[in-house]
PDB file of N, CA and C in Angstrom:
ATOM      1  N   UNK A   1     -61.283   4.479  -0.173  1.00  0.00           N
ATOM      2  CA  UNK A   1     -60.177   3.802  -0.228  1.00  0.00           C
ATOM      3  C   UNK A   1     -58.902   4.885   0.412  1.00  0.00           C
ATOM      4  N   UNK A   2     -58.000   4.226   1.226  1.00  0.00           N
ATOM      5  CA  UNK A   2     -56.953   5.068   1.882  1.00  0.00           C
ATOM      6  C   UNK A   2     -55.963   5.583   0.868  1.00  0.00           C
ATOM      7  N   UNK A   3     -55.468   6.850   1.266  1.00  0.00           N
ATOM      8  CA  UNK A   3     -54.455   7.409   0.497  1.00  0.00           C
ATOM      9  C   UNK A   3     -53.283   6.732   0.355  1.00  0.00           C
ATOM     10  N   UNK A   4     -52.407   6.565  -0.683  1.00  0.00           N
ATOM     11  CA  UNK A   4     -51.123   6.023  -0.840  1.00  0.00           C
ATOM     12  C   UNK A   4     -50.126   6.881  -0.049  1.00  0.00           C
ATOM     13  N   UNK A   5     -49.149   6.064   0.515  1.00  0.00           N
ATOM     14  CA  UNK A   5     -47.970   6.454   1.393  1.00  0.00           C
ATOM     15  C   UNK A   5     -47.143   7.447   0.441  1.00  0.00           C
ATOM     16  N   UNK A   6     -47.165   6.979  -0.768  1.00  0.00           N
ATOM     17  CA  UNK A   6     -46.027   7.586  -1.757  1.00  0.00           C
ATOM     18  C   UNK A   6     -46.518   9.209  -1.849  1.00  0.00           C
ATOM     19  N   UNK A   7     -47.749   9.534  -1.739  1.00  0.00           N
ATOM     20  CA  UNK A   7     -48.179  11.060  -1.889  1.00  0.00           C
ATOM     21  C   UNK A   7     -48.115  11.661  -0.556  1.00  0.00           C
ATOM     22  N   UNK A   8     -47.484  12.890  -0.555  1.00  0.00           N
ATOM     23  CA  UNK A   8     -47.499  13.763   0.726  1.00  0.00           C
ATOM     24  C   UNK A   8     -48.479  14.936   0.395  1.00  0.00           C
ATOM     25  N   UNK A   9     -49.679  14.836   0.783  1.00  0.00           N
ATOM     26  CA  UNK A   9     -50.497  16.050   0.595  1.00  0.00           C
ATOM     27  C   UNK A   9     -50.178  17.276   1.274  1.00  0.00           C
ATOM     28  N   UNK A  10     -49.121  17.296   2.279  1.00  0.00           N
ATOM     29  CA  UNK A  10     -48.972  18.606   3.088  1.00  0.00           C
ATOM     30  C   UNK A  10     -48.078  19.411   2.290  1.00  0.00           C
ATOM     31  N   UNK A  11     -47.202  18.891   1.374  1.00  0.00           N
ATOM     32  CA  UNK A  11     -46.298  19.676   0.738  1.00  0.00           C
ATOM     33  C   UNK A  11     -46.492  19.393  -0.979  1.00  0.00           C
ATOM     34  N   UNK A  12     -47.250  20.407  -1.525  1.00  0.00           N
ATOM     35  CA  UNK A  12     -47.568  20.235  -2.977  1.00  0.00           C
ATOM     36  C   UNK A  12     -46.235  20.243  -3.797  1.00  0.00           C
ATOM     37  N   UNK A  13     -46.251  19.578  -4.854  1.00  0.00           N
ATOM     38  CA  UNK A  13     -45.057  19.277  -5.677  1.00  0.00           C
ATOM     39  C   UNK A  13     -44.694  20.625  -6.376  1.00  0.00           C
ATOM     40  N   UNK A  14     -43.461  20.959  -6.271  1.00  0.00           N
ATOM     41  CA  UNK A  14     -42.957  22.290  -6.819  1.00  0.00           C
ATOM     42  C   UNK A  14     -43.119  23.522  -5.936  1.00  0.00           C
ATOM     43  N   UNK A  15     -43.585  23.285  -4.804  1.00  0.00           N
ATOM     44  CA  UNK A  15     -43.756  24.642  -3.914  1.00  0.00           C
ATOM     45  C   UNK A  15     -42.453  25.028  -3.517  1.00  0.00           C
ATOM     46  N   UNK A  16     -41.634  24.158  -3.016  1.00  0.00           N
ATOM     47  CA  UNK A  16     -40.294  24.610  -2.375  1.00  0.00           C
ATOM     48  C   UNK A  16     -39.172  24.315  -3.538  1.00  0.00           C
ATOM     49  N   UNK A  17     -38.065  25.203  -3.672  1.00  0.00           N
ATOM     50  CA  UNK A  17     -36.992  24.821  -4.378  1.00  0.00           C
ATOM     51  C   UNK A  17     -36.227  23.566  -3.878  1.00  0.00           C
ATOM     52  N   UNK A  18     -35.369  22.872  -4.582  1.00  0.00           N
ATOM     53  CA  UNK A  18     -34.732  21.764  -4.081  1.00  0.00           C
ATOM     54  C   UNK A  18     -33.700  22.072  -3.002  1.00  0.00           C
ATOM     55  N   UNK A  19     -33.353  23.267  -3.019  1.00  0.00           N
ATOM     56  CA  UNK A  19     -32.310  23.587  -2.024  1.00  0.00           C
ATOM     57  C   UNK A  19     -32.807  23.693  -0.607  1.00  0.00           C
ATOM     58  N   UNK A  20     -34.067  24.015  -0.557  1.00  0.00           N
ATOM     59  CA  UNK A  20     -34.645  24.109   0.733  1.00  0.00           C
ATOM     60  C   UNK A  20     -35.133  22.775   1.264  1.00  0.00           C
ATOM     61  N   UNK A  21     -34.878  21.747   0.778  1.00  0.00           N
ATOM     62  CA  UNK A  21     -35.281  20.358   1.169  1.00  0.00           C
ATOM     63  C   UNK A  21     -34.067  19.701   1.912  1.00  0.00           C
ATOM     64  N   UNK A  22     -32.874  20.470   1.866  1.00  0.00           N
ATOM     65  CA  UNK A  22     -31.811  19.727   2.544  1.00  0.00           C
ATOM     66  C   UNK A  22     -31.993  19.983   4.120  1.00  0.00           C
ATOM     67  N   UNK A  23     -31.462  19.005   4.988  1.00  0.00           N
ATOM     68  CA  UNK A  23     -31.575  19.307   6.364  1.00  0.00           C
ATOM     69  C   UNK A  23     -30.554  20.335   6.739  1.00  0.00           C
ATOM     70  N   UNK A  24     -31.003  20.965   7.688  1.00  0.00           N
ATOM     71  CA  UNK A  24     -30.021  22.067   8.391  1.00  0.00           C
ATOM     72  C   UNK A  24     -28.795  21.411   8.951  1.00  0.00           C
ATOM     73  N   UNK A  25     -27.630  22.120   9.030  1.00  0.00           N
ATOM     74  CA  UNK A  25     -26.495  21.682   9.771  1.00  0.00           C
ATOM     75  C   UNK A  25     -26.798  21.733  11.085  1.00  0.00           C
ATOM     76  N   UNK A  26     -26.421  20.650  11.918  1.00  0.00           N
ATOM     77  CA  UNK A  26     -26.579  20.628  13.394  1.00  0.00           C
ATOM     78  C   UNK A  26     -25.722  21.738  14.061  1.00  0.00           C
ATOM     79  N   UNK A  27     -26.333  22.560  15.052  1.00  0.00           N
ATOM     80  CA  UNK A  27     -25.674  23.404  15.881  1.00  0.00           C
ATOM     81  C   UNK A  27     -24.951  22.826  16.886  1.00  0.00           C
ATOM     82  N   UNK A  28     -23.847  23.459  17.210  1.00  0.00           N
ATOM     83  CA  UNK A  28     -22.880  22.973  18.473  1.00  0.00           C
ATOM     84  C   UNK A  28     -23.762  23.188  19.485  1.00  0.00           C
ATOM     85  N   UNK A  29     -23.524  22.223  20.565  1.00  0.00           N
ATOM     86  CA  UNK A  29     -24.191  22.228  21.816  1.00  0.00           C
ATOM     87  C   UNK A  29     -23.461  23.480  22.503  1.00  0.00           C
ATOM     88  N   UNK A  30     -24.333  24.048  23.396  1.00  0.00           N
ATOM     89  CA  UNK A  30     -23.829  25.040  24.401  1.00  0.00           C
ATOM     90  C   UNK A  30     -23.444  24.321  25.538  1.00  0.00           C
ATOM     91  N   UNK A  31     -22.274  24.515  26.111  1.00  0.00           N
ATOM     92  CA  UNK A  31     -21.940  23.657  27.331  1.00  0.00           C
ATOM     93  C   UNK A  31     -21.779  24.423  28.403  1.00  0.00           C
ATOM     94  N   UNK A  32     -22.629  25.608  28.502  1.00  0.00           N
ATOM     95  CA  UNK A  32     -22.487  26.660  29.637  1.00  0.00           C
ATOM     96  C   UNK A  32     -22.880  25.883  30.833  1.00  0.00           C
ATOM     97  N   UNK A  33     -23.913  25.140  30.938  1.00  0.00           N
ATOM     98  CA  UNK A  33     -24.394  24.391  32.144  1.00  0.00           C
ATOM     99  C   UNK A  33     -23.301  23.366  32.596  1.00  0.00           C
ATOM    100  N   UNK A  34     -22.593  22.578  31.751  1.00  0.00           N
ATOM    101  CA  UNK A  34     -21.624  21.744  32.069  1.00  0.00           C
ATOM    102  C   UNK A  34     -20.611  22.612  32.810  1.00  0.00           C
ATOM    103  N   UNK A  35     -20.091  23.769  31.960  1.00  0.00           N
ATOM    104  CA  UNK A  35     -19.034  24.451  32.648  1.00  0.00           C
ATOM    105  C   UNK A  35     -19.261  24.877  34.050  1.00  0.00           C
ATOM    106  N   UNK A  36     -20.492  25.375  34.375  1.00  0.00           N
ATOM    107  CA  UNK A  36     -20.918  25.852  35.721  1.00  0.00           C
ATOM    108  C   UNK A  36     -20.957  24.799  36.750  1.00  0.00           C
ATOM    109  N   UNK A  37     -21.452  23.753  36.299  1.00  0.00           N
ATOM    110  CA  UNK A  37     -21.588  22.466  37.248  1.00  0.00           C
ATOM    111  C   UNK A  37     -20.107  22.015  37.735  1.00  0.00           C
ATOM    112  N   UNK A  38     -19.306  21.953  36.624  1.00  0.00           N
ATOM    113  CA  UNK A  38     -17.840  21.537  36.770  1.00  0.00           C
ATOM    114  C   UNK A  38     -17.089  22.494  37.695  1.00  0.00           C
ATOM    115  N   UNK A  39     -17.349  23.765  37.515  1.00  0.00           N
ATOM    116  CA  UNK A  39     -16.740  24.822  38.246  1.00  0.00           C
ATOM    117  C   UNK A  39     -17.110  24.840  39.731  1.00  0.00           C
ATOM    118  N   UNK A  40     -18.471  24.792  39.853  1.00  0.00           N
ATOM    119  CA  UNK A  40     -18.991  24.672  41.136  1.00  0.00           C
ATOM    120  C   UNK A  40     -18.583  23.485  41.988  1.00  0.00           C
ATOM    121  N   UNK A  41     -18.529  22.228  41.337  1.00  0.00           N
ATOM    122  CA  UNK A  41     -18.067  21.130  41.972  1.00  0.00           C
ATOM    123  C   UNK A  41     -16.649  21.181  42.524  1.00  0.00           C
ATOM    124  N   UNK A  42     -15.793  21.692  41.408  1.00  0.00           N
ATOM    125  CA  UNK A  42     -14.338  21.814  41.861  1.00  0.00           C
ATOM    126  C   UNK A  42     -14.022  22.901  43.007  1.00  0.00           C
ATOM    127  N   UNK A  43     -14.941  23.951  42.978  1.00  0.00           N
ATOM    128  CA  UNK A  43     -14.801  25.095  44.041  1.00  0.00           C
ATOM    129  C   UNK A  43     -15.290  24.413  45.426  1.00  0.00           C
ATOM    130  N   UNK A  44     -16.392  23.425  45.494  1.00  0.00           N
ATOM    131  CA  UNK A  44     -16.874  22.802  46.609  1.00  0.00           C
ATOM    132  C   UNK A  44     -15.811  21.779  47.064  1.00  0.00           C
ATOM    133  N   UNK A  45     -15.259  21.099  46.239  1.00  0.00           N
ATOM    134  CA  UNK A  45     -14.264  20.075  46.394  1.00  0.00           C
ATOM    135  C   UNK A  45     -13.031  20.764  47.305  1.00  0.00           C
ATOM    136  N   UNK A  46     -12.577  21.857  46.561  1.00  0.00           N
ATOM    137  CA  UNK A  46     -11.403  22.564  47.153  1.00  0.00           C
ATOM    138  C   UNK A  46     -11.635  23.063  48.500  1.00  0.00           C
ATOM    139  N   UNK A  47     -12.846  23.662  48.442  1.00  0.00           N
ATOM    140  CA  UNK A  47     -13.305  24.400  49.891  1.00  0.00           C
ATOM    141  C   UNK A  47     -13.448  23.339  50.938  1.00  0.00           C
ATOM    142  N   UNK A  48     -14.041  22.137  50.564  1.00  0.00           N
ATOM    143  CA  UNK A  48     -14.274  20.944  51.449  1.00  0.00           C
ATOM    144  C   UNK A  48     -13.017  20.295  51.870  1.00  0.00           C
ATOM    145  N   UNK A  49     -11.991  20.342  51.083  1.00  0.00           N
ATOM    146  CA  UNK A  49     -10.761  19.972  51.634  1.00  0.00           C
ATOM    147  C   UNK A  49      -9.897  20.836  52.431  1.00  0.00           C
ATOM    148  N   UNK A  50      -9.992  22.277  52.048  1.00  0.00           N
ATOM    149  CA  UNK A  50      -9.509  23.206  52.880  1.00  0.00           C
ATOM    150  C   UNK A  50     -10.072  23.273  54.373  1.00  0.00           C
ATOM    151  N   UNK A  51     -11.441  23.045  54.542  1.00  0.00           N
ATOM    152  CA  UNK A  51     -12.242  23.222  55.749  1.00  0.00           C
ATOM    153  C   UNK A  51     -12.255  21.809  56.373  1.00  0.00           C
ATOM    154  N   UNK A  52     -11.849  20.767  55.803  1.00  0.00           N
ATOM    155  CA  UNK A  52     -12.005  19.379  56.147  1.00  0.00           C
ATOM    156  C   UNK A  52     -13.556  18.983  56.687  1.00  0.00           C
ATOM    157  N   UNK A  53     -14.304  19.272  55.607  1.00  0.00           N
ATOM    158  CA  UNK A  53     -15.807  18.977  55.741  1.00  0.00           C
ATOM    159  C   UNK A  53     -16.187  17.883  54.839  1.00  0.00           C
ATOM    160  N   UNK A  54     -16.390  16.689  55.111  1.00  0.00           N
ATOM    161  CA  UNK A  54     -16.697  15.644  54.442  1.00  0.00           C
ATOM    162  C   UNK A  54     -17.925  15.870  53.429  1.00  0.00           C
ATOM    163  N   UNK A  55     -18.953  16.356  54.075  1.00  0.00           N
ATOM    164  CA  UNK A  55     -19.989  16.538  53.182  1.00  0.00           C
ATOM    165  C   UNK A  55     -19.749  17.310  52.043  1.00  0.00           C
ATOM    166  N   UNK A  56     -19.091  18.614  52.314  1.00  0.00           N
ATOM    167  CA  UNK A  56     -18.783  19.358  51.301  1.00  0.00           C
ATOM    168  C   UNK A  56     -17.746  18.726  50.201  1.00  0.00           C
ATOM    169  N   UNK A  57     -16.942  17.891  50.667  1.00  0.00           N
ATOM    170  CA  UNK A  57     -15.960  17.104  49.658  1.00  0.00           C
ATOM    171  C   UNK A  57     -16.895  16.227  48.922  1.00  0.00           C
ATOM    172  N   UNK A  58     -17.722  15.438  49.555  1.00  0.00           N
ATOM    173  CA  UNK A  58     -18.687  14.539  48.744  1.00  0.00           C
ATOM    174  C   UNK A  58     -19.594  15.328  47.661  1.00  0.00           C
ATOM    175  N   UNK A  59     -20.009  16.455  48.049  1.00  0.00           N
ATOM    176  CA  UNK A  59     -20.929  17.304  47.235  1.00  0.00           C
ATOM    177  C   UNK A  59     -19.985  17.642  46.015  1.00  0.00           C
ATOM    178  N   UNK A  60     -18.850  18.333  46.351  1.00  0.00           N
ATOM    179  CA  UNK A  60     -17.904  18.533  45.301  1.00  0.00           C
ATOM    180  C   UNK A  60     -17.625  17.453  44.299  1.00  0.00           C
ATOM    181  N   UNK A  61     -17.349  16.305  44.809  1.00  0.00           N
ATOM    182  CA  UNK A  61     -17.002  15.051  43.883  1.00  0.00           C
ATOM    183  C   UNK A  61     -18.199  14.703  43.083  1.00  0.00           C
ATOM    184  N   UNK A  62     -19.427  14.832  43.663  1.00  0.00           N
ATOM    185  CA  UNK A  62     -20.500  14.480  42.818  1.00  0.00           C
ATOM    186  C   UNK A  62     -20.881  15.577  41.763  1.00  0.00           C
ATOM    187  N   UNK A  63     -20.655  16.882  42.102  1.00  0.00           N
ATOM    188  CA  UNK A  63     -21.052  17.978  41.096  1.00  0.00           C
ATOM    189  C   UNK A  63     -19.869  17.754  40.021  1.00  0.00           C
ATOM    190  N   UNK A  64     -18.744  17.694  40.442  1.00  0.00           N
ATOM    191  CA  UNK A  64     -17.681  17.484  39.326  1.00  0.00           C
ATOM    192  C   UNK A  64     -17.883  16.372  38.407  1.00  0.00           C
ATOM    193  N   UNK A  65     -18.266  15.361  38.909  1.00  0.00           N
ATOM    194  CA  UNK A  65     -18.778  14.158  38.177  1.00  0.00           C
ATOM    195  C   UNK A  65     -19.748  14.268  37.150  1.00  0.00           C
ATOM    196  N   UNK A  66     -20.836  14.991  37.680  1.00  0.00           N
ATOM    197  CA  UNK A  66     -21.950  15.360  36.800  1.00  0.00           C
ATOM    198  C   UNK A  66     -21.379  16.305  35.658  1.00  0.00           C
ATOM    199  N   UNK A  67     -20.636  17.398  36.024  1.00  0.00           N
ATOM    200  CA  UNK A  67     -20.061  18.213  35.096  1.00  0.00           C
ATOM    201  C   UNK A  67     -19.247  17.576  34.020  1.00  0.00           C
ATOM    202  N   UNK A  68     -18.366  16.594  34.339  1.00  0.00           N
ATOM    203  CA  UNK A  68     -17.735  15.998  33.528  1.00  0.00           C
ATOM    204  C   UNK A  68     -18.559  15.061  32.475  1.00  0.00           C
ATOM    205  N   UNK A  69     -19.626  14.501  33.185  1.00  0.00           N
ATOM    206  CA  UNK A  69     -20.382  13.659  32.294  1.00  0.00           C
ATOM    207  C   UNK A  69     -21.301  14.420  31.380  1.00  0.00           C
ATOM    208  N   UNK A  70     -21.593  15.752  31.632  1.00  0.00           N
ATOM    209  CA  UNK A  70     -22.333  16.779  30.711  1.00  0.00           C
ATOM    210  C   UNK A  70     -21.412  17.017  29.629  1.00  0.00           C
ATOM    211  N   UNK A  71     -20.132  17.271  29.733  1.00  0.00           N
ATOM    212  CA  UNK A  71     -19.167  17.452  28.721  1.00  0.00           C
ATOM    213  C   UNK A  71     -19.138  16.380  27.741  1.00  0.00           C
ATOM    214  N   UNK A  72     -19.298  15.058  28.156  1.00  0.00           N
ATOM    215  CA  UNK A  72     -19.139  14.212  27.382  1.00  0.00           C
ATOM    216  C   UNK A  72     -20.330  13.557  26.712  1.00  0.00           C
ATOM    217  N   UNK A  73     -21.447  14.160  27.035  1.00  0.00           N
ATOM    218  CA  UNK A  73     -22.761  13.784  26.408  1.00  0.00           C
ATOM    219  C   UNK A  73     -22.600  13.804  24.881  1.00  0.00           C
ATOM    220  N   UNK A  74     -23.519  12.924  24.308  1.00  0.00           N
ATOM    221  CA  UNK A  74     -23.486  13.119  22.790  1.00  0.00           C
ATOM    222  C   UNK A  74     -24.372  14.307  22.504  1.00  0.00           C
ATOM    223  N   UNK A  75     -23.787  14.819  21.169  1.00  0.00           N
ATOM    224  CA  UNK A  75     -24.538  16.048  20.675  1.00  0.00           C
ATOM    225  C   UNK A  75     -25.843  15.872  20.306  1.00  0.00           C
ATOM    226  N   UNK A  76     -26.380  14.886  19.771  1.00  0.00           N
ATOM    227  CA  UNK A  76     -27.826  14.630  19.262  1.00  0.00           C
ATOM    228  C   UNK A  76     -28.375  13.690  20.079  1.00  0.00           C
ATOM    229  N   UNK A  77     -29.752  13.700  20.581  1.00  0.00           N
ATOM    230  CA  UNK A  77     -30.388  12.670  21.238  1.00  0.00           C
ATOM    231  C   UNK A  77     -30.365  11.411  20.628  1.00  0.00           C
ATOM    232  N   UNK A  78     -30.251  11.242  19.242  1.00  0.00           N
ATOM    233  CA  UNK A  78     -30.291   9.907  18.492  1.00  0.00           C
ATOM    234  C   UNK A  78     -28.832   9.579  18.114  1.00  0.00           C
ATOM    235  N   UNK A  79     -27.840  10.253  18.633  1.00  0.00           N
ATOM    236  CA  UNK A  79     -26.549   9.850  18.452  1.00  0.00           C
ATOM    237  C   UNK A  79     -25.948   8.673  19.127  1.00  0.00           C
ATOM    238  N   UNK A  80     -25.194   7.770  18.673  1.00  0.00           N
ATOM    239  CA  UNK A  80     -24.613   6.661  19.339  1.00  0.00           C
ATOM    240  C   UNK A  80     -23.802   7.038  20.717  1.00  0.00           C
ATOM    241  N   UNK A  81     -23.849   6.196  21.522  1.00  0.00           N
ATOM    242  CA  UNK A  81     -23.039   6.551  22.642  1.00  0.00           C
ATOM    243  C   UNK A  81     -21.518   6.471  22.396  1.00  0.00           C
ATOM    244  N   UNK A  82     -20.778   7.224  23.107  1.00  0.00           N
ATOM    245  CA  UNK A  82     -19.354   7.309  22.967  1.00  0.00           C
ATOM    246  C   UNK A  82     -18.954   8.657  22.271  1.00  0.00           C
ATOM    247  N   UNK A  83     -17.714   8.560  22.106  1.00  0.00           N
ATOM    248  CA  UNK A  83     -17.199   9.876  21.347  1.00  0.00           C
ATOM    249  C   UNK A  83     -17.323   9.681  19.913  1.00  0.00           C
ATOM    250  N   UNK A  84     -17.692  10.966  19.073  1.00  0.00           N
ATOM    251  CA  UNK A  84     -17.696  10.558  17.627  1.00  0.00           C
ATOM    252  C   UNK A  84     -16.382  10.618  16.963  1.00  0.00           C
ATOM    253  N   UNK A  85     -16.321   9.600  16.026  1.00  0.00           N
ATOM    254  CA  UNK A  85     -15.246   9.391  15.241  1.00  0.00           C
ATOM    255  C   UNK A  85     -14.511   8.301  15.675  1.00  0.00           C
ATOM    256  N   UNK A  86     -14.892   7.712  16.915  1.00  0.00           N
ATOM    257  CA  UNK A  86     -14.126   6.439  17.284  1.00  0.00           C
ATOM    258  C   UNK A  86     -15.177   5.235  17.297  1.00  0.00           C
ATOM    259  N   UNK A  87     -14.597   4.079  16.830  1.00  0.00           N
ATOM    260  CA  UNK A  87     -15.555   2.958  16.753  1.00  0.00           C
ATOM    261  C   UNK A  87     -15.815   2.413  18.209  1.00  0.00           C
ATOM    262  N   UNK A  88     -17.125   2.134  18.324  1.00  0.00           N
ATOM    263  CA  UNK A  88     -17.510   1.640  19.760  1.00  0.00           C
ATOM    264  C   UNK A  88     -17.452   0.033  19.637  1.00  0.00           C
ATOM    265  N   UNK A  89     -16.728  -0.449  20.635  1.00  0.00           N
ATOM    266  CA  UNK A  89     -16.690  -1.925  20.890  1.00  0.00           C
ATOM    267  C   UNK A  89     -15.385  -2.386  20.793  1.00  0.00           C
TER     268      UNK A  89
END
């Protein structure tokens, strides 16, 4: 006969104190990659405008867009899209 879903054989009862069962606080995301991407995009954009190089301008615009998008990414993979604290819709 299959085991009941109510029982969890991996964690015996009374083994952990109740305080240890709380989920850990989520850590803030490190946005170092977003900062570097945005900085290199703005640098490429300014250099492209100064040198009148269309390909460098396009590269700077794309990198700056990616950097801004990385800053606005949700903190958790299962978090709803949009900014936290604002209703979506």
